[in-house]
Each structure stands twice: as C-alpha cells, then as structure tokens.
Amino acid sequence: MKKQLLCITLSSVLLMGCSAQEKQGIKDGFTEIGHTTRDVTRATGHFFRDTTKDVIGNAKEATSSKEE
C-alpha cells in the first residue's frame, strides 16, 4: 500500500512540474500508443478471421472430395 501511494505521489509531483507543452506531448504519446494498439489488434483479428475461414473452407473441400 505504501509503495502504491509513493508511486502515485511521485507521478503527481512529476506531472505538476511539467509545462503545458510537455503535458500535451505526454498526452499525444499515449494517444499514439493507443491508436497503434487499436490498429494492431484490428489487424490481428482480421488475420485470425481470414485464417479461420481458410481452414474451414479447406476442411469442407477435403471432406466433400472424399464423399464423391
């Protein structure tokens, strides 16, 4: 508990000492990280969606070939 309080206090003091421009830079950095994370998550989701469709299609094709 004491470590958490110390970390919060230090973070607050550091941010209070920053200029408005530095705070905006920090905010922009976190925004960029958030957008990058969103884009990577979307791309990963699309990869797994497309891969799953391919696997299902291949499985259907393989099983239909055996029945004929």
PDB file of N, CA and C in Angstrom:
ATOM      1  N   MET A   1       0.833  -1.197   0.000  1.00  0.00           N
ATOM      2  CA  MET A   1       0.000   0.000   0.000  1.00  0.00           C
ATOM      3  C   MET A   1       0.871   1.252   0.000  1.00  0.00           C
ATOM      4  N   LYS A   2       1.948   1.215   0.797  1.00  0.00           N
ATOM      5  CA  LYS A   2       2.825   2.381   0.888  1.00  0.00           C
ATOM      6  C   LYS A   2       3.556   2.625  -0.431  1.00  0.00           C
ATOM      7  N   LYS A   3       3.929   1.528  -1.125  1.00  0.00           N
ATOM      8  CA  LYS A   3       4.610   1.671  -2.413  1.00  0.00           C
ATOM      9  C   LYS A   3       3.688   2.297  -3.451  1.00  0.00           C
ATOM     10  N   GLN A   4       2.421   1.890  -3.443  1.00  0.00           N
ATOM     11  CA  GLN A   4       1.463   2.438  -4.395  1.00  0.00           C
ATOM     12  C   GLN A   4       1.254   3.925  -4.146  1.00  0.00           C
ATOM     13  N   LEU A   5       1.128   4.293  -2.895  1.00  0.00           N
ATOM     14  CA  LEU A   5       0.940   5.695  -2.537  1.00  0.00           C
ATOM     15  C   LEU A   5       2.160   6.519  -2.936  1.00  0.00           C
ATOM     16  N   LEU A   6       3.333   5.964  -2.717  1.00  0.00           N
ATOM     17  CA  LEU A   6       4.566   6.644  -3.097  1.00  0.00           C
ATOM     18  C   LEU A   6       4.642   6.840  -4.610  1.00  0.00           C
ATOM     19  N   CYS A   7       4.293   5.825  -5.369  1.00  0.00           N
ATOM     20  CA  CYS A   7       4.306   5.924  -6.839  1.00  0.00           C
ATOM     21  C   CYS A   7       3.319   6.980  -7.334  1.00  0.00           C
ATOM     22  N   ILE A   8       2.140   7.005  -6.763  1.00  0.00           N
ATOM     23  CA  ILE A   8       1.126   7.985  -7.159  1.00  0.00           C
ATOM     24  C   ILE A   8       1.599   9.393  -6.822  1.00  0.00           C
ATOM     25  N   THR A   9       2.176   9.549  -5.643  1.00  0.00           N
ATOM     26  CA  THR A   9       2.669  10.859  -5.223  1.00  0.00           C
ATOM     27  C   THR A   9       3.789  11.343  -6.137  1.00  0.00           C
ATOM     28  N   LEU A  10       4.746  10.467  -6.438  1.00  0.00           N
ATOM     29  CA  LEU A  10       5.850  10.848  -7.324  1.00  0.00           C
ATOM     30  C   LEU A  10       5.351  11.197  -8.719  1.00  0.00           C
ATOM     31  N   SER A  11       4.421  10.425  -9.233  1.00  0.00           N
ATOM     32  CA  SER A  11       3.862  10.699 -10.561  1.00  0.00           C
ATOM     33  C   SER A  11       3.164  12.060 -10.573  1.00  0.00           C
ATOM     34  N   SER A  12       2.424  12.337  -9.516  1.00  0.00           N
ATOM     35  CA  SER A  12       1.717  13.612  -9.432  1.00  0.00           C
ATOM     36  C   SER A  12       2.691  14.780  -9.379  1.00  0.00           C
ATOM     37  N   VAL A  13       3.731  14.647  -8.584  1.00  0.00           N
ATOM     38  CA  VAL A  13       4.723  15.719  -8.469  1.00  0.00           C
ATOM     39  C   VAL A  13       5.428  15.937  -9.803  1.00  0.00           C
ATOM     40  N   LEU A  14       5.772  14.859 -10.495  1.00  0.00           N
ATOM     41  CA  LEU A  14       6.433  14.991 -11.785  1.00  0.00           C
ATOM     42  C   LEU A  14       5.538  15.686 -12.806  1.00  0.00           C
ATOM     43  N   LEU A  15       4.273  15.322 -12.825  1.00  0.00           N
ATOM     44  CA  LEU A  15       3.353  15.944 -13.781  1.00  0.00           C
ATOM     45  C   LEU A  15       3.085  17.402 -13.435  1.00  0.00           C
ATOM     46  N   MET A  16       3.070  17.733 -12.142  1.00  0.00           N
ATOM     47  CA  MET A  16       2.849  19.123 -11.748  1.00  0.00           C
ATOM     48  C   MET A  16       4.019  19.993 -12.191  1.00  0.00           C
ATOM     49  N   GLY A  17       5.211  19.409 -12.239  1.00  0.00           N
ATOM     50  CA  GLY A  17       6.392  20.150 -12.645  1.00  0.00           C
ATOM     51  C   GLY A  17       6.531  20.303 -14.149  1.00  0.00           C
ATOM     52  N   CYS A  18       5.736  19.583 -14.915  1.00  0.00           N
ATOM     53  CA  CYS A  18       5.818  19.664 -16.372  1.00  0.00           C
ATOM     54  C   CYS A  18       5.105  20.914 -16.880  1.00  0.00           C
ATOM     55  N   SER A  19       5.601  21.437 -17.967  1.00  0.00           N
ATOM     56  CA  SER A  19       4.919  22.565 -18.601  1.00  0.00           C
ATOM     57  C   SER A  19       3.706  22.035 -19.366  1.00  0.00           C
ATOM     58  N   ALA A  20       2.858  22.941 -19.785  1.00  0.00           N
ATOM     59  CA  ALA A  20       1.663  22.539 -20.541  1.00  0.00           C
ATOM     60  C   ALA A  20       2.060  21.840 -21.843  1.00  0.00           C
ATOM     61  N   GLN A  21       3.138  22.322 -22.457  1.00  0.00           N
ATOM     62  CA  GLN A  21       3.595  21.718 -23.716  1.00  0.00           C
ATOM     63  C   GLN A  21       4.074  20.288 -23.480  1.00  0.00           C
ATOM     64  N   GLU A  22       4.781  20.070 -22.391  1.00  0.00           N
ATOM     65  CA  GLU A  22       5.257  18.721 -22.074  1.00  0.00           C
ATOM     66  C   GLU A  22       4.086  17.794 -21.770  1.00  0.00           C
ATOM     67  N   LYS A  23       3.088  18.319 -21.052  1.00  0.00           N
ATOM     68  CA  LYS A  23       1.901  17.510 -20.750  1.00  0.00           C
ATOM     69  C   LYS A  23       1.187  17.130 -22.037  1.00  0.00           C
ATOM     70  N   GLN A  24       1.114  18.071 -22.983  1.00  0.00           N
ATOM     71  CA  GLN A  24       0.468  17.779 -24.269  1.00  0.00           C
ATOM     72  C   GLN A  24       1.266  16.720 -25.016  1.00  0.00           C
ATOM     73  N   GLY A  25       2.586  16.793 -24.932  1.00  0.00           N
ATOM     74  CA  GLY A  25       3.439  15.791 -25.573  1.00  0.00           C
ATOM     75  C   GLY A  25       3.218  14.410 -24.979  1.00  0.00           C
ATOM     76  N   ILE A  26       3.095  14.351 -23.655  1.00  0.00           N
ATOM     77  CA  ILE A  26       2.824  13.071 -22.986  1.00  0.00           C
ATOM     78  C   ILE A  26       1.471  12.531 -23.435  1.00  0.00           C
ATOM     79  N   LYS A  27       0.478  13.417 -23.471  1.00  0.00           N
ATOM     80  CA  LYS A  27      -0.868  13.007 -23.885  1.00  0.00           C
ATOM     81  C   LYS A  27      -0.856  12.494 -25.327  1.00  0.00           C
ATOM     82  N   ASP A  28      -0.143  13.213 -26.202  1.00  0.00           N
ATOM     83  CA  ASP A  28      -0.053  12.789 -27.601  1.00  0.00           C
ATOM     84  C   ASP A  28       0.650  11.437 -27.727  1.00  0.00           C
ATOM     85  N   GLY A  29       1.661  11.230 -26.901  1.00  0.00           N
ATOM     86  CA  GLY A  29       2.366   9.942 -26.901  1.00  0.00           C
ATOM     87  C   GLY A  29       1.452   8.804 -26.532  1.00  0.00           C
ATOM     88  N   PHE A  30       0.649   9.003 -25.477  1.00  0.00           N
ATOM     89  CA  PHE A  30      -0.279   7.952 -25.072  1.00  0.00           C
ATOM     90  C   PHE A  30      -1.367   7.735 -26.117  1.00  0.00           C
ATOM     91  N   THR A  31      -1.783   8.823 -26.772  1.00  0.00           N
ATOM     92  CA  THR A  31      -2.782   8.689 -27.835  1.00  0.00           C
ATOM     93  C   THR A  31      -2.217   7.875 -28.993  1.00  0.00           C
ATOM     94  N   GLU A  32      -0.973   8.156 -29.347  1.00  0.00           N
ATOM     95  CA  GLU A  32      -0.336   7.410 -30.436  1.00  0.00           C
ATOM     96  C   GLU A  32      -0.199   5.929 -30.083  1.00  0.00           C
ATOM     97  N   ILE A  33       0.166   5.654 -28.849  1.00  0.00           N
ATOM     98  CA  ILE A  33       0.270   4.259 -28.398  1.00  0.00           C
ATOM     99  C   ILE A  33      -1.097   3.589 -28.471  1.00  0.00           C
ATOM    100  N   GLY A  34      -2.133   4.297 -28.044  1.00  0.00           N
ATOM    101  CA  GLY A  34      -3.489   3.744 -28.092  1.00  0.00           C
ATOM    102  C   GLY A  34      -3.935   3.448 -29.509  1.00  0.00           C
ATOM    103  N   HIS A  35      -3.643   4.367 -30.437  1.00  0.00           N
ATOM    104  CA  HIS A  35      -4.033   4.150 -31.832  1.00  0.00           C
ATOM    105  C   HIS A  35      -3.261   2.990 -32.448  1.00  0.00           C
ATOM    106  N   THR A  36      -1.990   2.894 -32.122  1.00  0.00           N
ATOM    107  CA  THR A  36      -1.179   1.791 -32.645  1.00  0.00           C
ATOM    108  C   THR A  36      -1.691   0.459 -32.109  1.00  0.00           C
ATOM    109  N   THR A  37      -2.013   0.436 -30.827  1.00  0.00           N
ATOM    110  CA  THR A  37      -2.553  -0.785 -30.220  1.00  0.00           C
ATOM    111  C   THR A  37      -3.864  -1.180 -30.886  1.00  0.00           C
ATOM    112  N   ARG A  38      -4.725  -0.206 -31.134  1.00  0.00           N
ATOM    113  CA  ARG A  38      -6.005  -0.475 -31.800  1.00  0.00           C
ATOM    114  C   ARG A  38      -5.775  -1.052 -33.194  1.00  0.00           C
ATOM    115  N   ASP A  39      -4.862  -0.453 -33.947  1.00  0.00           N
ATOM    116  CA  ASP A  39      -4.598  -0.914 -35.309  1.00  0.00           C
ATOM    117  C   ASP A  39      -4.021  -2.329 -35.335  1.00  0.00           C
ATOM    118  N   VAL A  40      -3.105  -2.600 -34.420  1.00  0.00           N
ATOM    119  CA  VAL A  40      -2.507  -3.941 -34.353  1.00  0.00           C
ATOM    120  C   VAL A  40      -3.556  -4.969 -33.955  1.00  0.00           C
ATOM    121  N   THR A  41      -4.407  -4.616 -33.005  1.00  0.00           N
ATOM    122  CA  THR A  41      -5.467  -5.532 -32.576  1.00  0.00           C
ATOM    123  C   THR A  41      -6.413  -5.822 -33.729  1.00  0.00           C
ATOM    124  N   ARG A  42      -6.758  -4.800 -34.483  1.00  0.00           N
ATOM    125  CA  ARG A  42      -7.659  -4.987 -35.633  1.00  0.00           C
ATOM    126  C   ARG A  42      -7.009  -5.900 -36.672  1.00  0.00           C
ATOM    127  N   ALA A  43      -5.732  -5.648 -36.969  1.00  0.00           N
ATOM    128  CA  ALA A  43      -5.027  -6.460 -37.969  1.00  0.00           C
ATOM    129  C   ALA A  43      -4.916  -7.913 -37.509  1.00  0.00           C
ATOM    130  N   THR A  44      -4.640  -8.109 -36.231  1.00  0.00           N
ATOM    131  CA  THR A  44      -4.547  -9.468 -35.696  1.00  0.00           C
ATOM    132  C   THR A  44      -5.892 -10.169 -35.780  1.00  0.00           C
ATOM    133  N   GLY A  45      -6.949  -9.465 -35.447  1.00  0.00           N
ATOM    134  CA  GLY A  45      -8.290 -10.045 -35.549  1.00  0.00           C
ATOM    135  C   GLY A  45      -8.630 -10.429 -36.968  1.00  0.00           C
ATOM    136  N   HIS A  46      -8.278  -9.574 -37.921  1.00  0.00           N
ATOM    137  CA  HIS A  46      -8.539  -9.882 -39.329  1.00  0.00           C
ATOM    138  C   HIS A  46      -7.723 -11.091 -39.782  1.00  0.00           C
ATOM    139  N   PHE A  47      -6.475 -11.180 -39.317  1.00  0.00           N
ATOM    140  CA  PHE A  47      -5.636 -12.325 -39.669  1.00  0.00           C
ATOM    141  C   PHE A  47      -6.286 -13.623 -39.198  1.00  0.00           C
ATOM    142  N   PHE A  48      -6.720 -13.662 -37.924  1.00  0.00           N
ATOM    143  CA  PHE A  48      -7.326 -14.891 -37.404  1.00  0.00           C
ATOM    144  C   PHE A  48      -8.663 -15.178 -38.058  1.00  0.00           C
ATOM    145  N   ARG A  49      -9.427 -14.134 -38.376  1.00  0.00           N
ATOM    146  CA  ARG A  49     -10.704 -14.342 -39.064  1.00  0.00           C
ATOM    147  C   ARG A  49     -10.467 -14.961 -40.431  1.00  0.00           C
ATOM    148  N   ASP A  50      -9.536 -14.396 -41.186  1.00  0.00           N
ATOM    149  CA  ASP A  50      -9.256 -14.899 -42.531  1.00  0.00           C
ATOM    150  C   ASP A  50      -8.663 -16.309 -42.490  1.00  0.00           C
ATOM    151  N   THR A  51      -7.772 -16.558 -41.542  1.00  0.00           N
ATOM    152  CA  THR A  51      -7.170 -17.882 -41.409  1.00  0.00           C
ATOM    153  C   THR A  51      -8.225 -18.920 -41.066  1.00  0.00           C
ATOM    154  N   THR A  52      -9.125 -18.561 -40.174  1.00  0.00           N
ATOM    155  CA  THR A  52     -10.197 -19.488 -39.791  1.00  0.00           C
ATOM    156  C   THR A  52     -11.092 -19.798 -40.985  1.00  0.00           C
ATOM    157  N   LYS A  53     -11.428 -18.776 -41.773  1.00  0.00           N
ATOM    158  CA  LYS A  53     -12.249 -19.007 -42.973  1.00  0.00           C
ATOM    159  C   LYS A  53     -11.535 -19.954 -43.938  1.00  0.00           C
ATOM    160  N   ASP A  54     -10.228 -19.752 -44.106  1.00  0.00           N
ATOM    161  CA  ASP A  54      -9.459 -20.627 -44.998  1.00  0.00           C
ATOM    162  C   ASP A  54      -9.448 -22.063 -44.495  1.00  0.00           C
ATOM    163  N   VAL A  55      -9.250 -22.240 -43.205  1.00  0.00           N
ATOM    164  CA  VAL A  55      -9.204 -23.587 -42.621  1.00  0.00           C
ATOM    165  C   VAL A  55     -10.555 -24.276 -42.788  1.00  0.00           C
ATOM    166  N   ILE A  56     -11.621 -23.558 -42.505  1.00  0.00           N
ATOM    167  CA  ILE A  56     -12.964 -24.146 -42.644  1.00  0.00           C
ATOM    168  C   ILE A  56     -13.234 -24.494 -44.110  1.00  0.00           C
ATOM    169  N   GLY A  57     -12.870 -23.580 -45.015  1.00  0.00           N
ATOM    170  CA  GLY A  57     -13.053 -23.854 -46.448  1.00  0.00           C
ATOM    171  C   GLY A  57     -12.260 -25.060 -46.909  1.00  0.00           C
ATOM    172  N   ASN A  58     -11.015 -25.167 -46.443  1.00  0.00           N
ATOM    173  CA  ASN A  58     -10.181 -26.316 -46.803  1.00  0.00           C
ATOM    174  C   ASN A  58     -10.741 -27.611 -46.233  1.00  0.00           C
ATOM    175  N   ALA A  59     -11.264 -27.549 -45.020  1.00  0.00           N
ATOM    176  CA  ALA A  59     -11.839 -28.747 -44.406  1.00  0.00           C
ATOM    177  C   ALA A  59     -13.091 -29.184 -45.168  1.00  0.00           C
ATOM    178  N   LYS A  60     -13.926 -28.235 -45.546  1.00  0.00           N
ATOM    179  CA  LYS A  60     -15.123 -28.580 -46.313  1.00  0.00           C
ATOM    180  C   LYS A  60     -14.754 -29.157 -47.665  1.00  0.00           C
ATOM    181  N   GLU A  61     -13.747 -28.580 -48.293  1.00  0.00           N
ATOM    182  CA  GLU A  61     -13.310 -29.064 -49.600  1.00  0.00           C
ATOM    183  C   GLU A  61     -12.724 -30.479 -49.491  1.00  0.00           C
ATOM    184  N   ALA A  62     -11.963 -30.717 -48.458  1.00  0.00           N
ATOM    185  CA  ALA A  62     -11.355 -32.040 -48.272  1.00  0.00           C
ATOM    186  C   ALA A  62     -12.395 -33.096 -47.970  1.00  0.00           C
ATOM    187  N   THR A  63     -13.393 -32.765 -47.172  1.00  0.00           N
ATOM    188  CA  THR A  63     -14.420 -33.755 -46.837  1.00  0.00           C
ATOM    189  C   THR A  63     -15.381 -33.970 -47.991  1.00  0.00           C
ATOM    190  N   SER A  64     -15.648 -32.965 -48.799  1.00  0.00           N
ATOM    191  CA  SER A  64     -16.557 -33.150 -49.936  1.00  0.00           C
ATOM    192  C   SER A  64     -15.873 -33.955 -51.036  1.00  0.00           C
ATOM    193  N   SER A  65     -14.578 -33.861 -51.173  1.00  0.00           N
ATOM    194  CA  SER A  65     -13.836 -34.623 -52.177  1.00  0.00           C
ATOM    195  C   SER A  65     -13.849 -36.107 -51.859  1.00  0.00           C
ATOM    196  N   LYS A  66     -13.811 -36.440 -50.602  1.00  0.00           N
ATOM    197  CA  LYS A  66     -13.816 -37.850 -50.199  1.00  0.00           C
ATOM    198  C   LYS A  66     -15.162 -38.511 -50.420  1.00  0.00           C
ATOM    199  N   GLU A  67     -16.249 -37.739 -50.292  1.00  0.00           N
ATOM    200  CA  GLU A  67     -17.578 -38.300 -50.420  1.00  0.00           C
ATOM    201  C   GLU A  67     -17.928 -38.589 -51.869  1.00  0.00           C
ATOM    202  N   GLU A  68     -17.354 -37.889 -52.805  1.00  0.00           N
ATOM    203  CA  GLU A  68     -17.716 -38.063 -54.221  1.00  0.00           C
ATOM    204  C   GLU A  68     -17.039 -39.209 -54.812  1.00  0.00           C
TER     205      GLU A  68
END
